[in-house]
Amino acid sequence: MPKCLLRYLCALVSVMVLTMSCGVANAVVHFLEKEDIKKSELARATLKYVYAYSMKVYDMPTKESDIREIVPFAKEIIVLEEKLGWAKVLTINDRVGFCNAKQLTDVNPNNLHAAVYSQQKDVPVYLRPSVDAPLIDYLMRNQKVELISMTPMGDWMRLKKGKYYGYVQRQRMDYERYKKGTRAWIGCESAKVYYDPQLDSVLGTLYFGQKVWLVDKTGTRAKIRSPRGLIGYCDLEAITEKDPNGLDQIVYTQVSGNYLFTSSTDISGRRNVEVNAEMTLVAVDKNNFWARVLYNGDYYYAPYVYLSHEKRLGDYKRVRTTQAAVLREGTKRSSTVVTALPAGTDLWLIGATDNRAKVTTSADVNGKRYTGYVELQYIS
């Protein structure tokens, strides 16, 4: 008796026993391997491609069942049947299972076939487009490989090296050989950095005074390289080739708070400082909003209004609203409004968060003071 038929009969008997013991009227036989698929199913099969960063293939058409395999973006996959939002599939590893049919596409995304070059030493290559996926290889700087496809957000490349495929972060690759570039700096408050010269998928943000390497300034977006060697694109007008970091002045924090931003491509990192912390002011943007400071050997960004050239000696720092604003009880926009603040209102700065200042008003005609939070952009 053929092995496939024997397995079919064993599975059928198991289902019949389960049906009789549980009182289930209609049981489904689940074929787990390629050889168990009916010829009629293979005759109706279609070839599709994964259009998700990673697609889970389940043992049964339910998310509660076991995961048989995780298939990465752009991998081809044989679809045997689609029903009620689920696709019964046969993967390249001859595994049969079920996946979300919406994560499949008829259009082959593997159509780029362009040469790209690694821009760093030991560029990691992953099994799937995720830094949490297994590492399968490393690329040397300037190593030439073939770009096969790009993920929808433009942040990962699917590459072919010999007979094998892998995924590399977009900012570690370029269409040209490695070129360090010339020194340049961010000349505005902040500049969004994009993965691509045309697309609007954002890699991160750089801030006033940060140094970059200018690789190419053709077009409306400049190709830049971060000090860590990552490739990105930002608006050409955000770049200056004159170093703005020349102040070298001692300043002191006027309030305590968690408002020192790390000098990276995002502002998710914060550092807390106490009042009268001493630091070196190296640059201030033209709107006097952001200050770039050197503190304990590292560069940070702080709201300029929180700094002063003199230590605070008991009295709070005096500030003023630059336009009409509202004073709220808490730091969220949904917090209760305490009072309205007309433009030009004198305030006393008594505390700080990352984007809110804690202030108190001068006494009104009745001798009453109001304390609360105002958005940082409305005071100076």
Protein backbone atom coordinates (compact mmCIF):
# COMPACT_ATOMS: atom_id res chain seq x y z
CA MET A 1 0.00 0.00 0.00
CA PRO A 2 1.45 3.42 -0.91
CA LYS A 3 2.66 5.48 2.06
CA CYS A 4 0.51 8.50 1.15
CA LEU A 5 -2.64 6.36 1.04
CA LEU A 6 -1.69 4.71 4.34
CA ARG A 7 -1.26 8.11 5.95
CA TYR A 8 -4.58 9.26 4.52
CA LEU A 9 -6.37 6.24 5.97
CA CYS A 10 -4.71 6.74 9.36
CA ALA A 11 -5.75 10.37 9.42
CA LEU A 12 -9.29 9.47 8.37
CA VAL A 13 -9.58 6.84 11.11
CA SER A 14 -8.31 9.31 13.70
CA VAL A 15 -10.90 11.87 12.66
CA MET A 16 -13.69 9.28 12.76
CA VAL A 17 -12.70 8.28 16.29
CA LEU A 18 -12.57 11.92 17.37
CA THR A 19 -15.95 12.58 15.78
CA MET A 20 -17.58 9.65 17.54
CA SER A 21 -16.10 10.53 20.93
CA CYS A 22 -16.94 14.26 20.78
CA GLY A 23 -20.24 14.11 18.95
CA VAL A 24 -19.00 16.28 16.10
CA ALA A 25 -21.09 15.96 12.96
CA ASN A 26 -18.64 17.28 10.38
CA ALA A 27 -14.91 16.66 10.88
CA VAL A 28 -12.17 18.04 8.59
CA VAL A 29 -9.13 16.05 7.56
CA HIS A 30 -6.04 18.30 7.63
CA PHE A 31 -3.33 17.24 5.17
CA LEU A 32 0.03 18.20 6.65
CA GLU A 33 2.50 17.34 3.90
CA LYS A 34 2.81 17.96 0.20
CA GLU A 35 2.32 14.33 -0.79
CA ASP A 36 -1.06 14.32 0.97
CA ILE A 37 -2.53 17.02 -1.28
CA LYS A 38 -5.12 15.89 -3.77
CA LYS A 39 -4.22 16.18 -7.45
CA SER A 40 -7.36 18.24 -7.99
CA GLU A 41 -6.10 20.80 -5.46
CA LEU A 42 -2.74 21.07 -7.20
CA ALA A 43 -4.49 21.51 -10.54
CA ARG A 44 -6.32 24.57 -9.19
CA ALA A 45 -3.28 25.97 -7.35
CA THR A 46 -2.01 29.49 -8.07
CA LEU A 47 1.31 31.16 -7.38
CA LYS A 48 1.21 34.23 -5.15
CA TYR A 49 3.67 36.29 -3.12
CA VAL A 50 3.81 37.42 0.49
CA TYR A 51 3.01 41.13 0.82
CA ALA A 52 3.66 41.56 4.53
CA TYR A 53 6.91 41.92 6.45
CA SER A 54 6.33 38.40 7.73
CA MET A 55 3.35 36.09 7.32
CA LYS A 56 2.42 33.36 9.78
CA VAL A 57 1.32 30.00 8.40
CA TYR A 58 -0.96 28.26 10.89
CA ASP A 59 -1.72 24.57 11.33
CA MET A 60 -5.44 25.29 10.96
CA PRO A 61 -7.47 28.29 9.69
CA THR A 62 -7.50 29.95 13.10
CA LYS A 63 -4.96 32.14 14.93
CA GLU A 64 -5.37 29.95 17.98
CA SER A 65 -3.73 26.98 16.23
CA ASP A 66 0.02 26.27 16.12
CA ILE A 67 2.27 28.28 13.82
CA ARG A 68 3.91 26.00 11.27
CA GLU A 69 6.13 28.55 9.58
CA ILE A 70 6.85 32.27 9.25
CA VAL A 71 7.28 33.36 5.63
CA PRO A 72 9.04 36.69 4.93
CA PHE A 73 8.12 39.46 2.50
CA ALA A 74 8.21 38.72 -1.26
CA LYS A 75 8.58 34.95 -0.88
CA GLU A 76 6.62 32.95 -3.45
CA ILE A 77 3.95 30.64 -2.12
CA ILE A 78 1.51 28.16 -3.70
CA VAL A 79 -2.14 28.83 -2.87
CA LEU A 80 -4.32 25.73 -2.97
CA GLU A 81 -7.59 27.29 -1.88
CA GLU A 82 -9.04 30.51 -0.47
CA LYS A 83 -12.07 30.52 1.78
CA LEU A 84 -13.51 32.93 4.35
CA GLY A 85 -10.41 35.13 4.43
CA TRP A 86 -7.99 32.21 4.80
CA ALA A 87 -5.67 30.76 2.17
CA LYS A 88 -4.61 27.11 2.24
CA VAL A 89 -1.00 27.24 1.09
CA LEU A 90 2.02 25.14 0.27
CA THR A 91 5.23 26.96 1.15
CA ILE A 92 8.59 26.62 -0.54
CA ASN A 93 9.55 24.16 2.22
CA ASP A 94 6.64 21.88 1.28
CA ARG A 95 4.72 22.77 4.43
CA VAL A 96 0.92 22.91 4.20
CA GLY A 97 -1.00 25.34 6.34
CA PHE A 98 -3.29 28.35 6.46
CA CYS A 99 -2.54 32.08 6.29
CA ASN A 100 -4.32 35.42 6.08
CA ALA A 101 -5.37 35.74 2.42
CA LYS A 102 -5.07 39.56 2.60
CA GLN A 103 -1.31 39.21 3.08
CA LEU A 104 -0.88 37.70 -0.38
CA THR A 105 -0.57 39.40 -3.75
CA ASP A 106 -0.71 38.23 -7.38
CA VAL A 107 1.93 40.79 -8.41
CA ASN A 108 5.50 39.61 -8.13
CA PRO A 109 7.42 42.24 -6.09
CA ASN A 110 10.75 40.64 -6.99
CA ASN A 111 11.29 42.76 -10.08
CA LEU A 112 14.05 45.28 -9.26
CA HIS A 113 17.24 43.36 -10.12
CA ALA A 114 19.58 46.28 -9.41
CA ALA A 115 23.12 46.29 -8.08
CA VAL A 116 23.58 47.73 -4.57
CA TYR A 117 26.60 48.12 -2.31
CA SER A 118 26.96 47.70 1.45
CA GLN A 119 28.00 50.92 3.19
CA GLN A 120 29.42 49.62 6.47
CA LYS A 121 31.72 46.92 7.77
CA ASP A 122 29.87 43.71 8.68
CA VAL A 123 26.37 44.67 7.50
CA PRO A 124 23.99 42.11 9.05
CA VAL A 125 21.78 40.02 6.76
CA TYR A 126 18.58 38.62 8.30
CA LEU A 127 16.33 35.70 7.44
CA ARG A 128 13.30 38.02 7.54
CA PRO A 129 12.95 41.84 7.36
CA SER A 130 13.28 42.30 11.11
CA VAL A 131 16.22 42.86 13.46
CA ASP A 132 14.66 40.18 15.66
CA ALA A 133 14.95 37.59 12.89
CA PRO A 134 17.88 35.11 12.78
CA LEU A 135 21.16 36.44 11.39
CA ILE A 136 22.27 34.47 8.35
CA ASP A 137 25.24 36.40 6.96
CA TYR A 138 27.32 39.61 6.98
CA LEU A 139 28.34 41.84 4.07
CA MET A 140 31.71 43.56 3.84
CA ARG A 141 31.85 47.27 3.04
CA ASN A 142 31.40 47.89 -0.70
CA GLN A 143 30.28 44.32 -1.32
CA LYS A 144 28.11 44.18 -4.42
CA VAL A 145 24.85 42.20 -4.25
CA GLU A 146 21.62 42.10 -6.25
CA LEU A 147 18.56 43.99 -5.01
CA ILE A 148 15.46 41.91 -5.72
CA SER A 149 12.66 43.81 -3.99
CA MET A 150 11.90 46.51 -1.43
CA THR A 151 9.38 46.33 1.43
CA PRO A 152 6.33 48.63 1.14
CA MET A 153 7.76 51.32 3.47
CA GLY A 154 11.12 51.23 1.71
CA ASP A 155 12.96 50.34 4.92
CA TRP A 156 14.19 46.82 4.01
CA MET A 157 15.83 45.37 0.92
CA ARG A 158 15.51 41.77 -0.20
CA LEU A 159 18.90 40.81 -1.60
CA LYS A 160 20.27 37.91 -3.57
CA LYS A 161 23.79 36.69 -2.95
CA GLY A 162 24.67 33.75 -5.14
CA LYS A 163 21.82 31.26 -4.75
CA TYR A 164 20.65 32.64 -1.41
CA TYR A 165 18.29 35.41 -0.31
CA GLY A 166 18.32 37.65 2.74
CA TYR A 167 17.10 40.98 4.09
CA VAL A 168 19.14 44.08 4.93
CA GLN A 169 18.10 47.45 6.37
CA ARG A 170 17.80 50.04 3.60
CA GLN A 171 19.98 52.66 5.34
CA ARG A 172 22.97 50.29 5.27
CA MET A 173 22.95 49.96 1.46
CA ASP A 174 23.30 52.28 -1.52
CA TYR A 175 23.14 52.11 -5.29
CA GLU A 176 26.69 53.49 -5.49
CA ARG A 177 29.96 52.41 -3.96
CA TYR A 178 30.86 53.78 -0.54
CA LYS A 179 31.71 57.48 -0.54
CA LYS A 180 32.31 59.22 2.76
CA GLY A 181 31.21 62.68 1.58
CA THR A 182 32.07 66.15 2.89
CA ARG A 183 31.34 67.62 6.32
CA ALA A 184 28.01 69.36 6.76
CA TRP A 185 25.59 70.22 9.55
CA ILE A 186 21.86 70.51 10.14
CA GLY A 187 21.07 74.21 9.91
CA CYS A 188 17.40 74.27 10.99
CA GLU A 189 15.53 73.27 14.15
CA SER A 190 15.00 69.73 12.89
CA ALA A 191 15.19 67.81 9.64
CA LYS A 192 13.34 64.63 8.76
CA VAL A 193 15.54 61.94 7.25
CA TYR A 194 13.94 59.72 4.61
CA TYR A 195 14.83 56.27 3.31
CA ASP A 196 14.39 57.35 -0.29
CA PRO A 197 14.92 60.59 -2.29
CA GLN A 198 11.29 60.55 -3.47
CA LEU A 199 9.24 58.53 -0.98
CA ASP A 200 8.08 59.98 2.36
CA SER A 201 8.94 57.01 4.59
CA VAL A 202 10.80 58.58 7.50
CA LEU A 203 13.98 57.00 8.85
CA GLY A 204 14.35 59.46 11.73
CA THR A 205 15.00 63.09 12.63
CA LEU A 206 18.21 65.11 12.96
CA TYR A 207 18.47 68.32 14.96
CA PHE A 208 20.14 71.69 14.70
CA GLY A 209 23.92 71.54 14.79
CA GLN A 210 24.31 67.79 14.29
CA LYS A 211 27.16 66.84 11.97
CA VAL A 212 26.54 64.70 8.90
CA TRP A 213 28.47 63.78 5.78
CA LEU A 214 27.07 65.27 2.58
CA VAL A 215 27.32 62.63 -0.15
CA ASP A 216 25.24 64.23 -2.91
CA LYS A 217 23.24 67.48 -3.10
CA THR A 218 21.66 66.97 -6.52
CA GLY A 219 17.89 67.54 -6.48
CA THR A 220 15.60 68.74 -3.70
CA ARG A 221 16.85 66.16 -1.21
CA ALA A 222 20.44 65.76 -0.16
CA LYS A 223 21.95 62.31 0.28
CA ILE A 224 23.63 62.29 3.67
CA ARG A 225 25.55 59.85 5.82
CA SER A 226 25.26 59.86 9.58
CA PRO A 227 28.40 59.70 11.76
CA ARG A 228 27.58 55.99 12.20
CA GLY A 229 27.62 55.49 8.43
CA LEU A 230 23.87 55.21 7.75
CA ILE A 231 22.57 56.51 4.41
CA GLY A 232 19.48 58.75 4.27
CA TYR A 233 17.95 61.73 2.50
CA CYS A 234 16.81 65.10 3.85
CA ASP A 235 15.67 68.40 2.37
CA LEU A 236 18.63 70.19 0.83
CA GLU A 237 17.67 73.48 2.50
CA ALA A 238 18.15 71.85 5.92
CA ILE A 239 21.89 71.39 5.26
CA THR A 240 24.59 73.95 5.92
CA GLU A 241 28.26 73.52 5.13
CA LYS A 242 29.25 76.04 7.82
CA ASP A 243 29.62 74.70 11.36
CA PRO A 244 27.11 76.48 13.63
CA ASN A 245 28.59 74.96 16.81
CA GLY A 246 30.86 77.81 17.86
CA LEU A 247 29.37 79.46 20.95
CA ASP A 248 31.29 77.65 23.72
CA GLN A 249 29.38 79.36 26.55
CA ILE A 250 28.70 78.10 30.08
CA VAL A 251 24.98 77.92 30.91
CA TYR A 252 22.89 76.59 33.79
CA THR A 253 19.56 74.83 33.85
CA GLN A 254 16.82 76.91 35.43
CA VAL A 255 14.44 74.10 36.34
CA SER A 256 14.60 70.38 37.05
CA GLY A 257 13.07 67.99 34.56
CA ASN A 258 13.42 65.23 31.99
CA TYR A 259 14.06 67.47 29.00
CA LEU A 260 17.55 66.76 27.66
CA PHE A 261 17.07 65.02 24.30
CA THR A 262 19.72 62.64 23.01
CA SER A 263 21.57 63.71 19.90
CA SER A 264 20.40 60.82 17.75
CA THR A 265 17.96 60.42 14.85
CA ASP A 266 15.02 60.43 17.23
CA ILE A 267 14.01 62.10 20.49
CA SER A 268 12.85 58.98 22.30
CA GLY A 269 15.86 59.17 24.62
CA ARG A 270 15.62 61.64 27.50
CA ARG A 271 17.90 62.61 30.34
CA ASN A 272 16.82 64.16 33.60
CA VAL A 273 18.68 67.16 35.02
CA GLU A 274 18.45 69.12 38.24
CA VAL A 275 18.29 72.90 38.57
CA ASN A 276 21.62 74.74 38.12
CA ALA A 277 23.26 71.86 36.25
CA GLU A 278 26.27 73.32 34.42
CA MET A 279 26.77 72.63 30.73
CA THR A 280 28.37 74.17 27.63
CA LEU A 281 26.13 75.87 25.09
CA VAL A 282 27.52 75.21 21.61
CA ALA A 283 24.68 76.33 19.32
CA VAL A 284 21.22 77.91 19.25
CA ASP A 285 18.89 77.78 16.25
CA LYS A 286 17.79 81.03 14.61
CA ASN A 287 14.40 80.93 16.35
CA ASN A 288 15.97 80.58 19.82
CA PHE A 289 13.93 77.44 20.40
CA TRP A 290 16.48 74.61 20.54
CA ALA A 291 19.86 74.78 22.22
CA ARG A 292 22.59 72.26 21.57
CA VAL A 293 24.63 71.61 24.71
CA LEU A 294 27.58 69.53 25.84
CA TYR A 295 26.85 67.87 29.17
CA ASN A 296 29.08 65.29 30.89
CA GLY A 297 30.86 64.51 27.63
CA ASP A 298 27.74 64.00 25.45
CA TYR A 299 25.74 66.31 23.20
CA TYR A 300 22.08 66.97 23.93
CA TYR A 301 19.25 69.25 22.85
CA ALA A 302 17.31 71.33 25.34
CA PRO A 303 14.65 74.03 25.04
CA TYR A 304 16.60 77.28 25.14
CA VAL A 305 14.10 78.84 27.55
CA TYR A 306 15.19 76.36 30.24
CA LEU A 307 18.78 77.66 30.22
CA SER A 308 20.49 80.79 31.47
CA HIS A 309 24.02 82.18 31.69
CA GLU A 310 23.54 82.66 35.41
CA LYS A 311 22.66 80.27 38.19
CA ARG A 312 19.19 80.46 39.64
CA LEU A 313 19.42 81.93 43.13
CA GLY A 314 16.00 81.13 44.54
CA ASP A 315 13.77 83.18 42.24
CA TYR A 316 12.11 81.46 39.30
CA LYS A 317 13.04 82.42 35.76
CA ARG A 318 10.75 84.98 34.17
CA VAL A 319 9.27 84.14 30.76
CA ARG A 320 6.52 85.57 28.57
CA THR A 321 3.89 84.16 26.21
CA THR A 322 4.70 84.87 22.58
CA GLN A 323 1.05 84.37 21.54
CA ALA A 324 -2.29 83.55 23.12
CA ALA A 325 -2.24 80.23 24.98
CA VAL A 326 -4.06 78.31 27.70
CA LEU A 327 -2.85 77.16 31.08
CA ARG A 328 -3.84 73.57 31.91
CA GLU A 329 -3.86 71.55 35.13
CA GLY A 330 -1.85 68.69 33.63
CA THR A 331 0.57 67.98 30.81
CA LYS A 332 -1.99 66.50 28.39
CA ARG A 333 -4.10 68.52 25.98
CA SER A 334 -7.19 66.93 27.48
CA SER A 335 -6.34 68.37 30.92
CA THR A 336 -8.68 70.94 32.44
CA VAL A 337 -8.04 74.55 31.41
CA VAL A 338 -7.05 76.71 34.39
CA THR A 339 -7.07 80.07 32.64
CA ALA A 340 -6.44 81.79 29.32
CA LEU A 341 -3.10 83.52 28.75
CA PRO A 342 -3.09 86.48 26.36
CA ALA A 343 0.01 87.15 24.29
CA GLY A 344 2.64 88.95 26.30
CA THR A 345 1.60 87.51 29.68
CA ASP A 346 4.45 87.42 32.21
CA LEU A 347 4.98 84.00 33.78
CA TRP A 348 7.38 82.41 36.21
CA LEU A 349 9.01 79.17 35.12
CA ILE A 350 8.96 76.66 37.98
CA GLY A 351 9.25 73.23 36.31
CA ALA A 352 9.57 71.39 33.02
CA THR A 353 8.63 68.32 31.05
CA ASP A 354 9.79 67.53 27.51
CA ASN A 355 7.24 69.74 25.73
CA ARG A 356 5.40 71.50 28.56
CA ALA A 357 6.58 74.18 30.96
CA LYS A 358 5.20 74.38 34.48
CA VAL A 359 4.57 78.03 35.24
CA THR A 360 2.83 80.31 37.68
CA THR A 361 1.28 83.65 36.83
CA SER A 362 1.83 86.97 38.51
CA ALA A 363 -0.87 87.92 41.02
CA ASP A 364 -4.03 89.36 39.44
CA VAL A 365 -6.02 92.34 40.82
CA ASN A 366 -7.44 90.07 43.51
CA GLY A 367 -4.02 88.78 44.51
CA LYS A 368 -4.68 85.33 42.96
CA ARG A 369 -1.98 83.36 41.15
CA TYR A 370 -2.57 80.49 38.70
CA THR A 371 -0.25 77.52 38.32
CA GLY A 372 -0.27 74.93 35.56
CA TYR A 373 1.31 73.78 32.30
CA VAL A 374 1.68 75.65 29.02
CA GLU A 375 3.02 74.36 25.71
CA LEU A 376 6.67 75.17 25.30
CA GLN A 377 6.21 76.69 21.86
CA TYR A 378 4.10 79.53 23.28
CA ILE A 379 6.68 80.98 25.68
CA SER A 380 10.03 82.67 25.37
